[in-house]
Protein backbone atom coordinates (compact mmCIF):
# COMPACT_ATOMS: atom_id res chain seq x y z
CA MET A 1 10.68 20.98 13.07
CA ASN A 2 10.20 17.99 10.15
CA ARG A 3 13.62 16.50 10.04
CA PHE A 4 12.79 15.83 5.81
CA ARG A 5 12.01 19.33 5.43
CA GLU A 6 15.37 20.73 3.87
CA ASP A 7 15.62 17.22 1.84
CA VAL A 8 11.99 17.70 0.03
CA GLU A 9 12.82 21.47 -0.56
CA GLU A 10 16.48 20.68 -2.26
CA TYR A 11 15.53 16.91 -3.88
CA THR A 12 12.35 18.96 -5.36
CA ARG A 13 14.72 21.78 -6.95
CA PHE A 14 17.36 19.14 -8.19
CA ALA A 15 14.63 16.38 -9.37
CA ALA A 16 13.58 19.51 -11.49
CA LYS A 17 16.74 20.90 -12.95
CA PHE A 18 18.49 17.65 -13.63
CA ASP A 19 16.64 14.18 -13.06
CA THR A 20 13.29 14.48 -14.51
CA PRO A 21 14.88 16.02 -17.73
CA VAL A 22 17.80 13.69 -18.22
CA ARG A 23 15.94 10.87 -17.45
CA TYR A 24 13.36 12.08 -20.54
CA GLU A 25 16.18 13.13 -22.68
CA LEU A 26 17.80 9.11 -22.21
CA LEU A 27 14.34 7.43 -22.82
CA HIS A 28 13.13 9.68 -25.58
CA GLY A 29 15.66 12.31 -26.61
CA ASN A 30 19.46 12.21 -27.25
CA SER A 31 20.51 8.80 -25.10
CA HIS A 32 24.61 9.70 -25.50
CA GLU A 33 24.08 13.20 -24.74
CA ALA A 34 22.05 12.05 -21.64
CA ILE A 35 24.32 9.30 -20.74
CA SER A 36 27.24 11.61 -21.04
CA ARG A 37 25.27 13.96 -18.47
CA ILE A 38 24.64 11.38 -16.04
CA ALA A 39 28.35 9.94 -16.10
CA GLY A 40 29.63 13.72 -16.18
CA PHE A 41 27.42 14.78 -13.28
CA TYR A 42 27.73 11.94 -10.54
CA ARG A 43 31.25 12.16 -11.22
CA VAL A 44 31.46 8.51 -12.80
CA ALA A 45 32.91 9.39 -15.64
CA ARG A 46 36.48 8.58 -14.62
CA SER A 47 35.22 4.92 -14.22
CA PHE A 48 34.92 4.43 -18.18
CA SER A 49 37.83 4.78 -19.89
CA ARG A 50 37.30 6.42 -23.48
CA LYS A 51 39.92 3.40 -25.11
CA PHE A 52 37.13 1.04 -24.26
CA ASP A 53 34.44 2.71 -26.69
CA GLU A 54 36.13 5.57 -28.61
CA GLY A 55 39.39 4.17 -28.80
CA ILE A 56 37.85 1.01 -30.81
CA GLY A 57 35.43 3.15 -33.22
CA LEU A 58 32.02 3.30 -31.08
CA ALA A 59 30.26 6.26 -30.19
CA ARG A 60 31.40 7.41 -26.12
CA TYR A 61 29.23 5.36 -23.55
CA GLU A 62 27.96 3.39 -26.67
CA PRO A 63 28.63 0.21 -24.66
CA VAL A 64 27.13 1.29 -21.56
CA LEU A 65 23.89 2.44 -23.45
CA SER A 66 23.91 -1.31 -24.97
CA ALA A 67 24.27 -2.69 -22.01
CA ILE A 68 21.48 -0.93 -20.14
CA TRP A 69 18.71 -1.33 -22.62
CA SER A 70 19.61 -5.45 -21.87
CA TYR A 71 17.82 -4.30 -18.24
CA GLN A 72 14.56 -3.11 -19.15
CA PRO A 73 11.96 -3.25 -16.18
CA GLU A 74 9.52 -4.58 -18.07
CA ARG A 75 11.46 -7.73 -18.04
CA SER A 76 10.12 -8.56 -14.59
CA GLN A 77 13.76 -8.96 -13.68
CA ASP A 78 14.79 -8.71 -9.80
CA PRO A 79 16.14 -4.74 -9.58
CA ILE A 80 18.91 -5.82 -7.39
CA GLU A 81 19.85 -8.83 -9.87
CA ALA A 82 19.79 -6.37 -12.63
CA VAL A 83 22.63 -3.98 -11.01
CA LEU A 84 24.51 -6.53 -10.34
CA ASP A 85 24.36 -8.25 -13.67
CA LEU A 86 24.80 -4.52 -15.23
CA THR A 87 27.89 -3.93 -13.11
CA ARG A 88 29.36 -7.62 -14.61
CA ASP A 89 28.63 -6.59 -17.87
CA LEU A 90 30.27 -2.76 -17.58
CA LYS A 91 33.11 -4.28 -15.73
CA ARG A 92 33.95 -6.55 -18.28
CA LEU A 93 33.73 -3.93 -20.98
CA TYR A 94 35.42 -1.13 -18.91
CA ARG A 95 37.65 -3.19 -16.56
CA LYS A 96 36.41 -1.51 -13.80
CA GLU A 97 34.38 -2.05 -10.93
CA VAL A 98 31.43 0.42 -11.19
CA LEU A 99 28.48 -0.74 -8.85
CA SER A 100 27.75 2.62 -7.71
CA ALA A 101 27.35 3.93 -11.39
CA SER A 102 25.59 1.17 -12.44
CA SER A 103 22.89 1.69 -9.97
CA LYS A 104 22.64 5.45 -11.24
CA PHE A 105 22.42 4.42 -14.46
CA LEU A 106 19.79 2.12 -14.01
CA TRP A 107 17.54 4.14 -11.91
CA PHE A 108 17.50 6.84 -14.89
CA ALA A 109 16.69 3.68 -17.01
CA TRP A 110 13.89 2.47 -14.71
CA GLY A 111 12.99 5.39 -12.45
CA ARG A 112 11.75 3.23 -10.08
CA GLU A 113 12.43 0.10 -8.37
CA ILE A 114 16.25 0.88 -8.37
CA ILE A 115 18.06 1.50 -5.00
CA ILE A 116 21.35 3.67 -5.93
CA TYR A 117 24.43 2.53 -4.40
CA ASP A 118 26.62 5.82 -2.89
CA SER A 119 29.40 5.83 -0.43
CA GLN A 120 28.07 8.42 1.61
CA ALA A 121 24.46 7.00 2.26
CA LEU A 122 26.20 3.87 2.82
CA ALA A 123 27.91 6.15 5.58
CA SER A 124 24.88 6.90 6.94
CA ILE A 125 23.19 3.62 7.13
CA GLN A 126 26.17 2.02 8.83
CA THR A 127 25.33 3.94 11.79
CA ARG A 128 22.32 1.66 12.04
CA PHE A 129 24.00 -1.20 10.66
CA PRO A 130 27.64 -1.07 11.50
CA THR A 131 28.58 -4.44 10.24
CA LEU A 132 27.19 -3.69 6.71
CA LYS A 133 30.48 -4.15 4.32
CA PRO A 134 31.23 -1.76 1.14
CA LYS A 135 29.94 -2.87 -2.23
CA ASN A 136 27.30 -5.58 -0.23
CA TYR A 137 24.64 -4.48 -2.49
CA TYR A 138 22.48 -6.88 -1.16
CA GLY A 139 22.76 -6.18 2.23
CA TYR A 140 22.76 -2.60 1.59
CA CYS A 141 19.67 -2.71 -0.34
CA SER A 142 17.84 -4.50 2.83
CA ALA A 143 19.21 -1.85 5.07
CA TRP A 144 18.11 0.74 2.84
CA ARG A 145 14.91 -0.40 2.62
CA THR A 146 14.32 -1.03 6.35
CA LEU A 147 15.34 2.62 7.13
CA PHE A 148 13.13 3.85 4.62
CA ALA A 149 10.25 2.10 5.79
CA GLU A 150 10.74 3.42 9.18
CA ASP A 151 10.96 6.85 7.73
CA MET A 152 8.49 6.87 4.35
CA GLY A 153 5.53 8.32 6.58
CA GLU A 154 7.29 10.97 7.72
CA ILE A 155 8.59 11.78 4.25
CA GLU A 156 5.18 11.34 2.72
CA SER A 157 3.50 13.80 5.26
CA GLU A 158 6.33 16.60 4.42
CA CYS A 159 6.08 16.06 0.63
CA LEU A 160 2.06 16.70 1.07
CA ARG A 161 2.71 19.72 3.12
CA GLN A 162 4.97 21.00 0.62
CA ALA A 163 2.72 20.46 -2.47
CA ALA A 164 5.82 18.33 -3.76
CA CYS A 165 5.56 15.08 -5.90
CA MET A 166 3.54 11.82 -4.31
CA GLU A 167 5.10 9.26 -5.93
CA ARG A 168 6.89 6.55 -4.51
CA TRP A 169 10.29 7.36 -6.40
CA PHE A 170 10.31 10.51 -5.39
CA HIS A 171 10.04 9.86 -1.56
CA GLU A 172 12.58 7.15 -2.45
CA ARG A 173 15.31 9.68 -3.73
CA VAL A 174 14.04 12.56 -0.87
CA PHE A 175 15.25 9.55 1.44
CA ASP A 176 18.61 8.97 -0.77
CA TRP A 177 18.99 12.84 -0.32
CA HIS A 178 18.54 12.48 3.13
CA LEU A 179 21.05 9.74 3.79
CA TRP A 180 23.80 11.84 1.66
CA ARG A 181 23.17 14.98 3.95
CA LEU A 182 24.20 12.92 7.52
CA GLY A 183 26.97 11.13 5.42
CA LYS A 184 28.40 14.49 4.08
CA ARG A 185 27.92 15.82 7.74
CA GLN A 186 29.72 12.45 9.36
CA SER A 187 32.51 13.12 6.64
CA ARG A 188 33.10 16.70 7.43
CA ALA A 189 32.95 15.49 11.22
CA SER A 190 35.84 13.12 10.72
CA GLY A 191 37.66 15.43 8.05
CA ASN A 192 36.66 13.27 5.18
CA ALA A 193 34.36 15.18 3.34
CA ASP A 194 33.35 14.40 -0.05
CA SER A 195 30.79 15.36 -3.02
CA PRO A 196 26.83 15.12 -2.39
CA LEU A 197 24.81 11.93 -2.90
CA VAL A 198 24.04 12.67 -6.64
CA ILE A 199 27.97 13.06 -7.22
CA GLY A 200 29.16 11.19 -4.55
CA LYS A 201 32.44 8.98 -3.96
CA ARG A 202 32.64 5.47 -6.08
């Protein structure tokens, strides 16, 4: 049995329910509502204290949105640098380290190229790269890409078999889902279960 069958099935449902419509809302609809939904569902809202937006007379997450729009894919900026720069911007604005949140927000803004940083996925990656340290985004992306390249063909084949989306971004998110599922299993085995990739620990 294809080891990505469950991941393709589950992410297909999740993308239709959340990722795709919320991304459309962020780019073409009520961006404040969309960013609020992303922050809530991915459980990063606690990293963005209201005293730094509503507390100074701004709309909720207005500084986040303003920062995100400074990093658009058409600027041809390196996606890793974009995530790290956004992380620095948001840390300056909200006084917290927000690498995982920044990668998630920017993925919704770009819809491609951005590799989402997540602690559950990190745990999975560390089984192959045990010296990889948390918050090392360059190292994380390098290891992620190495593992994705190994499994890309199998993911593509399973997506084709299920008549799922055949775009690169979708295959990358299926792989994210797969990493989270393995990381969650490891956490449960160690008695440290956490939320899924889409709402993982930051």
